[in-house]
Amino acid sequence: MLKTHPRMKLSREEEAYLRHWIFDEARYQEGQGPAKHLQLQHRATPAELAVIIAAALPDPADQQAAAHGPSPTEPPVWPWSDASFRSRLAEARTILGIRDGRSKK
């Protein structure tokens, strides 16, 4: 049986941004999308966003739907301040059992 963790609860704005970012990442060869642009502007790494996605949207089918579904209709909005992003990232790492960039064993 798969070991599961509790899902991180996202605000509507956080989920919308992350789904937009997944969509952009699936199309990286077509150029930088607007969510990717925001990620770079706020100096967040793809790995950091991936940690939040893994904690909040752990089902690969959900991630595939975001990547290959219809284009988001609204432009993405960065939903975090610098401090709140770091806090949410720490929360996601705790949920996933990640400490100092490594899994707890």
PDB file of N, CA and C in Angstrom:
ATOM      1  N   MET A   1       0.838  -1.180   0.000  1.00  0.00           N
ATOM      2  CA  MET A   1       0.000   0.000   0.000  1.00  0.00           C
ATOM      3  C   MET A   1       0.887   1.250   0.000  1.00  0.00           C
ATOM      4  N   LEU A   2       0.525   2.221  -0.783  1.00  0.00           N
ATOM      5  CA  LEU A   2       1.293   3.456  -0.848  1.00  0.00           C
ATOM      6  C   LEU A   2       1.180   4.242   0.445  1.00  0.00           C
ATOM      7  N   LYS A   3       2.298   4.777   0.870  1.00  0.00           N
ATOM      8  CA  LYS A   3       2.280   5.664   2.028  1.00  0.00           C
ATOM      9  C   LYS A   3       1.823   7.033   1.539  1.00  0.00           C
ATOM     10  N   THR A   4       0.773   7.542   2.135  1.00  0.00           N
ATOM     11  CA  THR A   4       0.274   8.848   1.727  1.00  0.00           C
ATOM     12  C   THR A   4       0.453   9.839   2.868  1.00  0.00           C
ATOM     13  N   HIS A   5       0.473  11.083   2.520  1.00  0.00           N
ATOM     14  CA  HIS A   5       0.592  12.157   3.500  1.00  0.00           C
ATOM     15  C   HIS A   5      -0.637  13.040   3.382  1.00  0.00           C
ATOM     16  N   PRO A   6      -0.911  13.813   4.425  1.00  0.00           N
ATOM     17  CA  PRO A   6      -2.048  14.737   4.304  1.00  0.00           C
ATOM     18  C   PRO A   6      -1.752  15.773   3.225  1.00  0.00           C
ATOM     19  N   ARG A   7      -2.775  16.165   2.516  1.00  0.00           N
ATOM     20  CA  ARG A   7      -2.599  17.192   1.481  1.00  0.00           C
ATOM     21  C   ARG A   7      -2.460  18.568   2.106  1.00  0.00           C
ATOM     22  N   MET A   8      -1.588  19.340   1.552  1.00  0.00           N
ATOM     23  CA  MET A   8      -1.456  20.743   1.946  1.00  0.00           C
ATOM     24  C   MET A   8      -2.651  21.488   1.352  1.00  0.00           C
ATOM     25  N   LYS A   9      -3.315  22.253   2.156  1.00  0.00           N
ATOM     26  CA  LYS A   9      -4.458  23.023   1.663  1.00  0.00           C
ATOM     27  C   LYS A   9      -3.955  24.319   1.030  1.00  0.00           C
ATOM     28  N   LEU A  10      -4.421  24.572  -0.176  1.00  0.00           N
ATOM     29  CA  LEU A  10      -4.032  25.777  -0.913  1.00  0.00           C
ATOM     30  C   LEU A  10      -5.188  26.757  -0.950  1.00  0.00           C
ATOM     31  N   SER A  11      -4.836  28.036  -0.997  1.00  0.00           N
ATOM     32  CA  SER A  11      -5.865  29.030  -1.284  1.00  0.00           C
ATOM     33  C   SER A  11      -6.223  28.905  -2.761  1.00  0.00           C
ATOM     34  N   ARG A  12      -7.344  29.474  -3.141  1.00  0.00           N
ATOM     35  CA  ARG A  12      -7.753  29.459  -4.552  1.00  0.00           C
ATOM     36  C   ARG A  12      -6.673  30.104  -5.431  1.00  0.00           C
ATOM     37  N   GLU A  13      -6.079  31.192  -4.936  1.00  0.00           N
ATOM     38  CA  GLU A  13      -5.050  31.901  -5.704  1.00  0.00           C
ATOM     39  C   GLU A  13      -3.785  31.058  -5.852  1.00  0.00           C
ATOM     40  N   GLU A  14      -3.396  30.361  -4.770  1.00  0.00           N
ATOM     41  CA  GLU A  14      -2.209  29.511  -4.841  1.00  0.00           C
ATOM     42  C   GLU A  14      -2.415  28.381  -5.846  1.00  0.00           C
ATOM     43  N   GLU A  15      -3.568  27.727  -5.756  1.00  0.00           N
ATOM     44  CA  GLU A  15      -3.835  26.625  -6.681  1.00  0.00           C
ATOM     45  C   GLU A  15      -3.885  27.106  -8.127  1.00  0.00           C
ATOM     46  N   ALA A  16      -4.526  28.238  -8.367  1.00  0.00           N
ATOM     47  CA  ALA A  16      -4.604  28.778  -9.731  1.00  0.00           C
ATOM     48  C   ALA A  16      -3.202  29.064 -10.271  1.00  0.00           C
ATOM     49  N   TYR A  17      -2.353  29.687  -9.437  1.00  0.00           N
ATOM     50  CA  TYR A  17      -1.000  29.982  -9.908  1.00  0.00           C
ATOM     51  C   TYR A  17      -0.235  28.692 -10.207  1.00  0.00           C
ATOM     52  N   LEU A  18      -0.282  27.730  -9.282  1.00  0.00           N
ATOM     53  CA  LEU A  18       0.481  26.493  -9.467  1.00  0.00           C
ATOM     54  C   LEU A  18       0.005  25.711 -10.683  1.00  0.00           C
ATOM     55  N   ARG A  19      -1.291  25.664 -10.898  1.00  0.00           N
ATOM     56  CA  ARG A  19      -1.791  24.980 -12.103  1.00  0.00           C
ATOM     57  C   ARG A  19      -1.334  25.701 -13.372  1.00  0.00           C
ATOM     58  N   HIS A  20      -1.293  27.021 -13.334  1.00  0.00           N
ATOM     59  CA  HIS A  20      -0.805  27.805 -14.475  1.00  0.00           C
ATOM     60  C   HIS A  20       0.683  27.525 -14.694  1.00  0.00           C
ATOM     61  N   TRP A  21       1.443  27.445 -13.605  1.00  0.00           N
ATOM     62  CA  TRP A  21       2.874  27.179 -13.707  1.00  0.00           C
ATOM     63  C   TRP A  21       3.119  25.790 -14.301  1.00  0.00           C
ATOM     64  N   ILE A  22       2.360  24.801 -13.854  1.00  0.00           N
ATOM     65  CA  ILE A  22       2.493  23.449 -14.418  1.00  0.00           C
ATOM     66  C   ILE A  22       2.212  23.490 -15.916  1.00  0.00           C
ATOM     67  N   PHE A  23       1.174  24.205 -16.313  1.00  0.00           N
ATOM     68  CA  PHE A  23       0.824  24.352 -17.729  1.00  0.00           C
ATOM     69  C   PHE A  23       1.997  24.958 -18.501  1.00  0.00           C
ATOM     70  N   ASP A  24       2.579  26.033 -17.957  1.00  0.00           N
ATOM     71  CA  ASP A  24       3.717  26.689 -18.619  1.00  0.00           C
ATOM     72  C   ASP A  24       4.916  25.748 -18.718  1.00  0.00           C
ATOM     73  N   GLU A  25       5.201  25.031 -17.644  1.00  0.00           N
ATOM     74  CA  GLU A  25       6.363  24.137 -17.631  1.00  0.00           C
ATOM     75  C   GLU A  25       6.211  23.023 -18.665  1.00  0.00           C
ATOM     76  N   ALA A  26       5.002  22.557 -18.875  1.00  0.00           N
ATOM     77  CA  ALA A  26       4.776  21.506 -19.870  1.00  0.00           C
ATOM     78  C   ALA A  26       5.034  22.006 -21.288  1.00  0.00           C
ATOM     79  N   ARG A  27       5.090  23.324 -21.447  1.00  0.00           N
ATOM     80  CA  ARG A  27       5.291  23.932 -22.766  1.00  0.00           C
ATOM     81  C   ARG A  27       6.561  24.785 -22.822  1.00  0.00           C
ATOM     82  N   TYR A  28       7.546  24.426 -22.044  1.00  0.00           N
ATOM     83  CA  TYR A  28       8.757  25.257 -21.942  1.00  0.00           C
ATOM     84  C   TYR A  28       9.460  25.448 -23.279  1.00  0.00           C
ATOM     85  N   GLN A  29       9.341  24.484 -24.184  1.00  0.00           N
ATOM     86  CA  GLN A  29      10.013  24.625 -25.477  1.00  0.00           C
ATOM     87  C   GLN A  29       9.349  25.676 -26.362  1.00  0.00           C
ATOM     88  N   GLU A  30       8.116  26.063 -26.016  1.00  0.00           N
ATOM     89  CA  GLU A  30       7.414  27.089 -26.780  1.00  0.00           C
ATOM     90  C   GLU A  30       7.758  28.494 -26.310  1.00  0.00           C
ATOM     91  N   GLY A  31       8.525  28.595 -25.232  1.00  0.00           N
ATOM     92  CA  GLY A  31       8.909  29.890 -24.692  1.00  0.00           C
ATOM     93  C   GLY A  31       8.407  30.063 -23.271  1.00  0.00           C
ATOM     94  N   GLN A  32       8.867  31.131 -22.665  1.00  0.00           N
ATOM     95  CA  GLN A  32       8.531  31.402 -21.268  1.00  0.00           C
ATOM     96  C   GLN A  32       7.088  31.879 -21.137  1.00  0.00           C
ATOM     97  N   GLY A  33       6.302  31.131 -20.393  1.00  0.00           N
ATOM     98  CA  GLY A  33       4.923  31.519 -20.156  1.00  0.00           C
ATOM     99  C   GLY A  33       4.824  32.535 -19.034  1.00  0.00           C
ATOM    100  N   PRO A  34       3.649  33.109 -18.820  1.00  0.00           N
ATOM    101  CA  PRO A  34       3.491  34.155 -17.812  1.00  0.00           C
ATOM    102  C   PRO A  34       3.713  33.674 -16.371  1.00  0.00           C
ATOM    103  N   ALA A  35       3.335  32.447 -16.059  1.00  0.00           N
ATOM    104  CA  ALA A  35       3.570  31.945 -14.695  1.00  0.00           C
ATOM    105  C   ALA A  35       5.061  31.709 -14.468  1.00  0.00           C
ATOM    106  N   LYS A  36       5.742  31.214 -15.482  1.00  0.00           N
ATOM    107  CA  LYS A  36       7.197  31.021 -15.395  1.00  0.00           C
ATOM    108  C   LYS A  36       7.882  32.372 -15.210  1.00  0.00           C
ATOM    109  N   HIS A  37       7.413  33.377 -15.917  1.00  0.00           N
ATOM    110  CA  HIS A  37       7.977  34.719 -15.785  1.00  0.00           C
ATOM    111  C   HIS A  37       7.844  35.209 -14.340  1.00  0.00           C
ATOM    112  N   LEU A  38       6.675  35.001 -13.746  1.00  0.00           N
ATOM    113  CA  LEU A  38       6.472  35.412 -12.343  1.00  0.00           C
ATOM    114  C   LEU A  38       7.395  34.637 -11.406  1.00  0.00           C
ATOM    115  N   GLN A  39       7.551  33.352 -11.665  1.00  0.00           N
ATOM    116  CA  GLN A  39       8.451  32.534 -10.845  1.00  0.00           C
ATOM    117  C   GLN A  39       9.858  33.125 -10.852  1.00  0.00           C
ATOM    118  N   LEU A  40      10.351  33.450 -12.019  1.00  0.00           N
ATOM    119  CA  LEU A  40      11.694  34.020 -12.132  1.00  0.00           C
ATOM    120  C   LEU A  40      11.772  35.410 -11.494  1.00  0.00           C
ATOM    121  N   GLN A  41      10.750  36.206 -11.695  1.00  0.00           N
ATOM    122  CA  GLN A  41      10.708  37.552 -11.122  1.00  0.00           C
ATOM    123  C   GLN A  41      10.792  37.508  -9.594  1.00  0.00           C
ATOM    124  N   HIS A  42      10.179  36.485  -8.995  1.00  0.00           N
ATOM    125  CA  HIS A  42      10.166  36.368  -7.535  1.00  0.00           C
ATOM    126  C   HIS A  42      11.281  35.471  -7.001  1.00  0.00           C
ATOM    127  N   ARG A  43      12.174  35.074  -7.889  1.00  0.00           N
ATOM    128  CA  ARG A  43      13.363  34.293  -7.532  1.00  0.00           C
ATOM    129  C   ARG A  43      13.043  32.981  -6.824  1.00  0.00           C
ATOM    130  N   ALA A  44      11.965  32.376  -7.219  1.00  0.00           N
ATOM    131  CA  ALA A  44      11.616  31.044  -6.724  1.00  0.00           C
ATOM    132  C   ALA A  44      12.194  30.034  -7.705  1.00  0.00           C
ATOM    133  N   THR A  45      12.645  28.916  -7.191  1.00  0.00           N
ATOM    134  CA  THR A  45      13.187  27.894  -8.080  1.00  0.00           C
ATOM    135  C   THR A  45      12.091  26.908  -8.476  1.00  0.00           C
ATOM    136  N   PRO A  46      12.268  26.252  -9.618  1.00  0.00           N
ATOM    137  CA  PRO A  46      11.305  25.218  -9.990  1.00  0.00           C
ATOM    138  C   PRO A  46      11.208  24.128  -8.913  1.00  0.00           C
ATOM    139  N   ALA A  47      12.317  23.794  -8.286  1.00  0.00           N
ATOM    140  CA  ALA A  47      12.307  22.763  -7.239  1.00  0.00           C
ATOM    141  C   ALA A  47      11.446  23.190  -6.053  1.00  0.00           C
ATOM    142  N   GLU A  48      11.473  24.463  -5.703  1.00  0.00           N
ATOM    143  CA  GLU A  48      10.648  24.943  -4.591  1.00  0.00           C
ATOM    144  C   GLU A  48       9.164  24.827  -4.926  1.00  0.00           C
ATOM    145  N   LEU A  49       8.805  25.223  -6.128  1.00  0.00           N
ATOM    146  CA  LEU A  49       7.405  25.100  -6.533  1.00  0.00           C
ATOM    147  C   LEU A  49       7.001  23.632  -6.621  1.00  0.00           C
ATOM    148  N   ALA A  50       7.913  22.788  -7.072  1.00  0.00           N
ATOM    149  CA  ALA A  50       7.618  21.352  -7.157  1.00  0.00           C
ATOM    150  C   ALA A  50       7.345  20.758  -5.777  1.00  0.00           C
ATOM    151  N   VAL A  51       8.028  21.241  -4.749  1.00  0.00           N
ATOM    152  CA  VAL A  51       7.778  20.751  -3.385  1.00  0.00           C
ATOM    153  C   VAL A  51       6.354  21.109  -2.961  1.00  0.00           C
ATOM    154  N   ILE A  52       5.947  22.335  -3.222  1.00  0.00           N
ATOM    155  CA  ILE A  52       4.587  22.750  -2.858  1.00  0.00           C
ATOM    156  C   ILE A  52       3.566  21.940  -3.659  1.00  0.00           C
ATOM    157  N   ILE A  53       3.832  21.735  -4.932  1.00  0.00           N
ATOM    158  CA  ILE A  53       2.926  20.942  -5.767  1.00  0.00           C
ATOM    159  C   ILE A  53       2.837  19.507  -5.245  1.00  0.00           C
ATOM    160  N   ALA A  54       3.956  18.910  -4.889  1.00  0.00           N
ATOM    161  CA  ALA A  54       3.954  17.539  -4.382  1.00  0.00           C
ATOM    162  C   ALA A  54       3.148  17.415  -3.093  1.00  0.00           C
ATOM    163  N   ALA A  55       3.197  18.446  -2.259  1.00  0.00           N
ATOM    164  CA  ALA A  55       2.448  18.417  -0.997  1.00  0.00           C
ATOM    165  C   ALA A  55       0.967  18.699  -1.198  1.00  0.00           C
ATOM    166  N   ALA A  56       0.639  19.511  -2.175  1.00  0.00           N
ATOM    167  CA  ALA A  56      -0.755  19.946  -2.355  1.00  0.00           C
ATOM    168  C   ALA A  56      -1.496  19.177  -3.444  1.00  0.00           C
ATOM    169  N   LEU A  57      -0.795  18.784  -4.473  1.00  0.00           N
ATOM    170  CA  LEU A  57      -1.404  18.075  -5.612  1.00  0.00           C
ATOM    171  C   LEU A  57      -0.617  16.793  -5.890  1.00  0.00           C
ATOM    172  N   PRO A  58      -0.603  15.858  -4.944  1.00  0.00           N
ATOM    173  CA  PRO A  58       0.274  14.691  -5.084  1.00  0.00           C
ATOM    174  C   PRO A  58      -0.168  13.694  -6.154  1.00  0.00           C
ATOM    175  N   ASP A  59      -1.405  13.774  -6.588  1.00  0.00           N
ATOM    176  CA  ASP A  59      -1.912  12.818  -7.569  1.00  0.00           C
ATOM    177  C   ASP A  59      -1.365  13.157  -8.957  1.00  0.00           C
ATOM    178  N   PRO A  60      -0.600  12.250  -9.569  1.00  0.00           N
ATOM    179  CA  PRO A  60      -0.068  12.524 -10.910  1.00  0.00           C
ATOM    180  C   PRO A  60      -1.161  12.866 -11.925  1.00  0.00           C
ATOM    181  N   ALA A  61      -2.351  12.302 -11.755  1.00  0.00           N
ATOM    182  CA  ALA A  61      -3.444  12.610 -12.694  1.00  0.00           C
ATOM    183  C   ALA A  61      -3.840  14.085 -12.602  1.00  0.00           C
ATOM    184  N   ASP A  62      -3.836  14.638 -11.390  1.00  0.00           N
ATOM    185  CA  ASP A  62      -4.126  16.070 -11.232  1.00  0.00           C
ATOM    186  C   ASP A  62      -3.063  16.919 -11.918  1.00  0.00           C
ATOM    187  N   GLN A  63      -1.820  16.517 -11.768  1.00  0.00           N
ATOM    188  CA  GLN A  63      -0.722  17.259 -12.385  1.00  0.00           C
ATOM    189  C   GLN A  63      -0.784  17.150 -13.908  1.00  0.00           C
ATOM    190  N   GLN A  64      -1.099  15.948 -14.406  1.00  0.00           N
ATOM    191  CA  GLN A  64      -1.242  15.766 -15.854  1.00  0.00           C
ATOM    192  C   GLN A  64      -2.383  16.609 -16.415  1.00  0.00           C
ATOM    193  N   ALA A  65      -3.484  16.679 -15.673  1.00  0.00           N
ATOM    194  CA  ALA A  65      -4.619  17.492 -16.120  1.00  0.00           C
ATOM    195  C   ALA A  65      -4.230  18.960 -16.211  1.00  0.00           C
ATOM    196  N   ALA A  66      -3.453  19.435 -15.244  1.00  0.00           N
ATOM    197  CA  ALA A  66      -3.004  20.833 -15.283  1.00  0.00           C
ATOM    198  C   ALA A  66      -2.044  21.059 -16.447  1.00  0.00           C
ATOM    199  N   ALA A  67      -1.195  20.079 -16.708  1.00  0.00           N
ATOM    200  CA  ALA A  67      -0.193  20.228 -17.765  1.00  0.00           C
ATOM    201  C   ALA A  67      -0.792  20.161 -19.162  1.00  0.00           C
ATOM    202  N   HIS A  68      -1.770  19.273 -19.342  1.00  0.00           N
ATOM    203  CA  HIS A  68      -2.257  18.994 -20.693  1.00  0.00           C
ATOM    204  C   HIS A  68      -3.707  19.391 -20.927  1.00  0.00           C
ATOM    205  N   GLY A  69      -4.293  20.035 -19.924  1.00  0.00           N
ATOM    206  CA  GLY A  69      -5.673  20.492 -20.066  1.00  0.00           C
ATOM    207  C   GLY A  69      -5.728  21.772 -20.880  1.00  0.00           C
ATOM    208  N   PRO A  70      -6.881  22.385 -20.892  1.00  0.00           N
ATOM    209  CA  PRO A  70      -7.023  23.637 -21.645  1.00  0.00           C
ATOM    210  C   PRO A  70      -6.175  24.758 -21.028  1.00  0.00           C
ATOM    211  N   SER A  71      -5.833  25.704 -21.847  1.00  0.00           N
ATOM    212  CA  SER A  71      -5.057  26.859 -21.400  1.00  0.00           C
ATOM    213  C   SER A  71      -5.820  27.622 -20.314  1.00  0.00           C
ATOM    214  N   PRO A  72      -5.118  28.016 -19.238  1.00  0.00           N
ATOM    215  CA  PRO A  72      -5.804  28.843 -18.227  1.00  0.00           C
ATOM    216  C   PRO A  72      -6.343  30.116 -18.867  1.00  0.00           C
ATOM    217  N   THR A  73      -7.534  30.517 -18.446  1.00  0.00           N
ATOM    218  CA  THR A  73      -8.162  31.687 -19.057  1.00  0.00           C
ATOM    219  C   THR A  73      -7.727  32.993 -18.422  1.00  0.00           C
ATOM    220  N   GLU A  74      -7.447  32.972 -17.134  1.00  0.00           N
ATOM    221  CA  GLU A  74      -7.033  34.180 -16.434  1.00  0.00           C
ATOM    222  C   GLU A  74      -5.509  34.257 -16.390  1.00  0.00           C
ATOM    223  N   PRO A  75      -4.931  35.448 -16.439  1.00  0.00           N
ATOM    224  CA  PRO A  75      -3.479  35.544 -16.292  1.00  0.00           C
ATOM    225  C   PRO A  75      -3.078  35.147 -14.872  1.00  0.00           C
ATOM    226  N   PRO A  76      -1.892  34.555 -14.711  1.00  0.00           N
ATOM    227  CA  PRO A  76      -1.470  34.154 -13.380  1.00  0.00           C
ATOM    228  C   PRO A  76      -1.132  35.364 -12.514  1.00  0.00           C
ATOM    229  N   VAL A  77      -1.328  35.192 -11.218  1.00  0.00           N
ATOM    230  CA  VAL A  77      -0.978  36.209 -10.230  1.00  0.00           C
ATOM    231  C   VAL A  77      -0.134  35.515  -9.168  1.00  0.00           C
ATOM    232  N   TRP A  78       1.012  36.089  -8.822  1.00  0.00           N
ATOM    233  CA  TRP A  78       1.866  35.523  -7.786  1.00  0.00           C
ATOM    234  C   TRP A  78       1.144  35.691  -6.447  1.00  0.00           C
ATOM    235  N   PRO A  79       0.821  34.585  -5.770  1.00  0.00           N
ATOM    236  CA  PRO A  79      -0.043  34.676  -4.591  1.00  0.00           C
ATOM    237  C   PRO A  79       0.660  34.863  -3.247  1.00  0.00           C
ATOM    238  N   TRP A  80       1.978  35.002  -3.253  1.00  0.00           N
ATOM    239  CA  TRP A  80       2.720  35.045  -1.993  1.00  0.00           C
ATOM    240  C   TRP A  80       3.577  36.299  -1.863  1.00  0.00           C
ATOM    241  N   SER A  81       3.763  36.739  -0.621  1.00  0.00           N
ATOM    242  CA  SER A  81       4.844  37.678  -0.322  1.00  0.00           C
ATOM    243  C   SER A  81       6.091  36.813  -0.153  1.00  0.00           C
ATOM    244  N   ASP A  82       7.254  37.419  -0.051  1.00  0.00           N
ATOM    245  CA  ASP A  82       8.475  36.625   0.156  1.00  0.00           C
ATOM    246  C   ASP A  82       8.368  35.776   1.418  1.00  0.00           C
ATOM    247  N   ALA A  83       7.897  36.378   2.501  1.00  0.00           N
ATOM    248  CA  ALA A  83       7.798  35.660   3.779  1.00  0.00           C
ATOM    249  C   ALA A  83       6.750  34.548   3.706  1.00  0.00           C
ATOM    250  N   SER A  84       5.609  34.817   3.091  1.00  0.00           N
ATOM    251  CA  SER A  84       4.578  33.787   3.041  1.00  0.00           C
ATOM    252  C   SER A  84       4.999  32.632   2.125  1.00  0.00           C
ATOM    253  N   PHE A  85       5.761  32.917   1.073  1.00  0.00           N
ATOM    254  CA  PHE A  85       6.249  31.845   0.208  1.00  0.00           C
ATOM    255  C   PHE A  85       7.179  30.928   0.998  1.00  0.00           C
ATOM    256  N   ARG A  86       8.097  31.514   1.746  1.00  0.00           N
ATOM    257  CA  ARG A  86       9.036  30.708   2.551  1.00  0.00           C
ATOM    258  C   ARG A  86       8.283  29.887   3.591  1.00  0.00           C
ATOM    259  N   SER A  87       7.244  30.475   4.176  1.00  0.00           N
ATOM    260  CA  SER A  87       6.434  29.766   5.167  1.00  0.00           C
ATOM    261  C   SER A  87       5.687  28.590   4.536  1.00  0.00           C
ATOM    262  N   ARG A  88       5.100  28.813   3.375  1.00  0.00           N
ATOM    263  CA  ARG A  88       4.360  27.752   2.684  1.00  0.00           C
ATOM    264  C   ARG A  88       5.308  26.651   2.208  1.00  0.00           C
ATOM    265  N   LEU A  89       6.503  27.040   1.786  1.00  0.00           N
ATOM    266  CA  LEU A  89       7.502  26.058   1.373  1.00  0.00           C
ATOM    267  C   LEU A  89       7.917  25.201   2.568  1.00  0.00           C
ATOM    268  N   ALA A  90       8.122  25.819   3.718  1.00  0.00           N
ATOM    269  CA  ALA A  90       8.469  25.072   4.936  1.00  0.00           C
ATOM    270  C   ALA A  90       7.337  24.124   5.316  1.00  0.00           C
ATOM    271  N   GLU A  91       6.111  24.585   5.199  1.00  0.00           N
ATOM    272  CA  GLU A  91       4.948  23.745   5.500  1.00  0.00           C
ATOM    273  C   GLU A  91       4.912  22.531   4.567  1.00  0.00           C
ATOM    274  N   ALA A  92       5.151  22.747   3.288  1.00  0.00           N
ATOM    275  CA  ALA A  92       5.153  21.649   2.319  1.00  0.00           C
ATOM    276  C   ALA A  92       6.266  20.651   2.629  1.00  0.00           C
ATOM    277  N   ARG A  93       7.430  21.156   2.974  1.00  0.00           N
ATOM    278  CA  ARG A  93       8.548  20.260   3.314  1.00  0.00           C
ATOM    279  C   ARG A  93       8.222  19.420   4.540  1.00  0.00           C
ATOM    280  N   THR A  94       7.573  20.027   5.529  1.00  0.00           N
ATOM    281  CA  THR A  94       7.177  19.283   6.722  1.00  0.00           C
ATOM    282  C   THR A  94       6.198  18.175   6.362  1.00  0.00           C
ATOM    283  N   ILE A  95       5.194  18.487   5.561  1.00  0.00           N
ATOM    284  CA  ILE A  95       4.205  17.491   5.135  1.00  0.00           C
ATOM    285  C   ILE A  95       4.881  16.329   4.417  1.00  0.00           C
ATOM    286  N   LEU A  96       5.852  16.642   3.578  1.00  0.00           N
ATOM    287  CA  LEU A  96       6.539  15.612   2.792  1.00  0.00           C
ATOM    288  C   LEU A  96       7.661  14.920   3.551  1.00  0.00           C
ATOM    289  N   GLY A  97       7.997  15.430   4.736  1.00  0.00           N
ATOM    290  CA  GLY A  97       9.087  14.840   5.508  1.00  0.00           C
ATOM    291  C   GLY A  97      10.456  15.178   4.955  1.00  0.00           C
ATOM    292  N   ILE A  98      10.579  16.386   4.433  1.00  0.00           N
ATOM    293  CA  ILE A  98      11.858  16.845   3.864  1.00  0.00           C
ATOM    294  C   ILE A  98      12.517  17.783   4.859  1.00  0.00           C
ATOM    295  N   ARG A  99      13.779  17.501   5.149  1.00  0.00           N
ATOM    296  CA  ARG A  99      14.528  18.362   6.048  1.00  0.00           C
ATOM    297  C   ARG A  99      15.856  18.698   5.382  1.00  0.00           C
ATOM    298  N   ASP A 100      16.196  19.959   5.317  1.00  0.00           N
ATOM    299  CA  ASP A 100      17.460  20.409   4.730  1.00  0.00           C
ATOM    300  C   ASP A 100      17.670  19.862   3.320  1.00  0.00           C
ATOM    301  N   GLY A 101      16.571  19.823   2.548  1.00  0.00           N
ATOM    302  CA  GLY A 101      16.673  19.382   1.176  1.00  0.00           C
ATOM    303  C   GLY A 101      16.755  17.872   1.004  1.00  0.00           C
ATOM    304  N   ARG A 102      16.684  17.123   2.109  1.00  0.00           N
ATOM    305  CA  ARG A 102      16.756  15.657   2.039  1.00  0.00           C
ATOM    306  C   ARG A 102      15.542  15.056   2.730  1.00  0.00           C
ATOM    307  N   SER A 103      15.149  13.887   2.290  1.00  0.00           N
ATOM    308  CA  SER A 103      14.048  13.170   2.946  1.00  0.00           C
ATOM    309  C   SER A 103      14.508  12.673   4.302  1.00  0.00           C
ATOM    310  N   LYS A 104      13.570  12.651   5.231  1.00  0.00           N
ATOM    311  CA  LYS A 104      13.850  12.031   6.530  1.00  0.00           C
ATOM    312  C   LYS A 104      13.853  10.530   6.349  1.00  0.00           C
ATOM    313  N   LYS A 105      14.781   9.867   6.966  1.00  0.00           N
ATOM    314  CA  LYS A 105      14.826   8.399   6.876  1.00  0.00           C
ATOM    315  C   LYS A 105      14.831   7.817   8.247  1.00  0.00           C
TER     316      LYS A 105
END
